[in-house]
Protein backbone atom coordinates (compact mmCIF):
# COMPACT_ATOMS: atom_id res chain seq x y z
CA UNK A 1 0.00 0.00 0.00
CA UNK A 2 2.87 2.38 0.69
CA UNK A 3 4.22 1.68 -2.80
CA UNK A 4 0.73 2.36 -4.24
CA UNK A 5 0.51 5.61 -2.23
CA UNK A 6 3.82 6.84 -3.64
CA UNK A 7 2.63 6.19 -7.21
CA UNK A 8 -0.61 8.19 -7.03
CA UNK A 9 -1.22 11.26 -9.18
CA UNK A 10 -1.82 14.62 -7.50
CA UNK A 11 -5.55 14.51 -8.36
CA UNK A 12 -6.16 11.20 -6.54
CA UNK A 13 -6.68 12.84 -3.16
CA UNK A 14 -9.45 10.56 -1.85
CA UNK A 15 -7.40 7.48 -2.63
CA UNK A 16 -4.36 9.04 -0.93
CA UNK A 17 -6.38 9.88 2.20
CA UNK A 18 -7.90 6.40 2.17
CA UNK A 19 -4.55 4.67 1.89
CA UNK A 20 -3.07 6.93 4.56
CA UNK A 21 -5.86 6.08 6.99
CA UNK A 22 -5.58 2.36 6.26
CA UNK A 23 -1.80 2.37 6.72
CA UNK A 24 -2.04 4.51 9.87
CA UNK A 25 -4.70 2.27 11.40
CA UNK A 26 -2.70 -0.86 10.64
CA UNK A 27 0.46 0.63 12.14
CA UNK A 28 -1.48 1.75 15.23
CA UNK A 29 -2.84 -1.75 15.79
CA UNK A 30 0.61 -3.26 15.19
CA UNK A 31 2.22 -0.95 17.76
CA UNK A 32 -0.43 -1.86 20.34
CA UNK A 33 0.03 -5.58 19.70
CA UNK A 34 3.82 -5.36 19.99
CA UNK A 35 3.81 -3.11 23.06
CA UNK A 36 0.87 -4.56 24.99
CA UNK A 37 0.00 -7.87 23.36
CA UNK A 38 -3.49 -6.55 22.55
CA UNK A 39 -5.19 -3.51 21.08
CA UNK A 40 -5.93 -0.98 23.82
CA UNK A 41 -7.21 2.18 22.09
CA UNK A 42 -10.92 1.53 22.64
CA UNK A 43 -13.29 4.39 23.39
CA UNK A 44 -16.52 4.16 25.35
CA UNK A 45 -19.09 6.97 25.52
CA UNK A 46 -22.34 7.10 27.39
CA UNK A 47 -25.21 9.43 28.11
CA UNK A 48 -27.18 8.72 31.25
CA UNK A 49 -27.89 4.97 31.07
CA UNK A 50 -27.30 4.60 27.30
CA UNK A 51 -23.86 3.37 26.28
CA UNK A 52 -22.63 3.79 22.72
CA UNK A 53 -20.84 0.64 21.52
CA UNK A 54 -17.10 0.65 22.23
CA UNK A 55 -14.89 1.17 19.21
CA UNK A 56 -11.24 1.07 18.30
CA UNK A 57 -9.67 4.24 16.86
CA UNK A 58 -7.30 2.37 14.53
CA UNK A 59 -10.06 0.13 13.16
CA UNK A 60 -12.26 3.20 12.65
CA UNK A 61 -9.46 4.82 10.61
CA UNK A 62 -9.17 1.68 8.47
CA UNK A 63 -12.93 1.63 7.90
CA UNK A 64 -13.06 5.32 6.92
CA UNK A 65 -10.07 4.78 4.62
CA UNK A 66 -11.81 1.92 2.81
CA UNK A 67 -14.99 4.00 2.45
CA UNK A 68 -13.01 6.90 0.95
CA UNK A 69 -11.37 4.55 -1.54
CA UNK A 70 -14.75 3.07 -2.49
CA UNK A 71 -16.17 6.56 -3.04
CA UNK A 72 -13.22 7.44 -5.27
């Protein structure tokens, strides 16, 4: 993916953002796995008694990156 990112034209901005988010998310998960043996960057929000589902920042970046590439 890094090789693909370096070969993009200047007008392929959505693809570049998508690849950047995918690479960044993958590296974030890899760092967590090496340092802690598991992924630890989960977020949990709530309002009164309602809890939004927990999510992982790195996996969210990968998902947004894929969506941007699909849009492009």
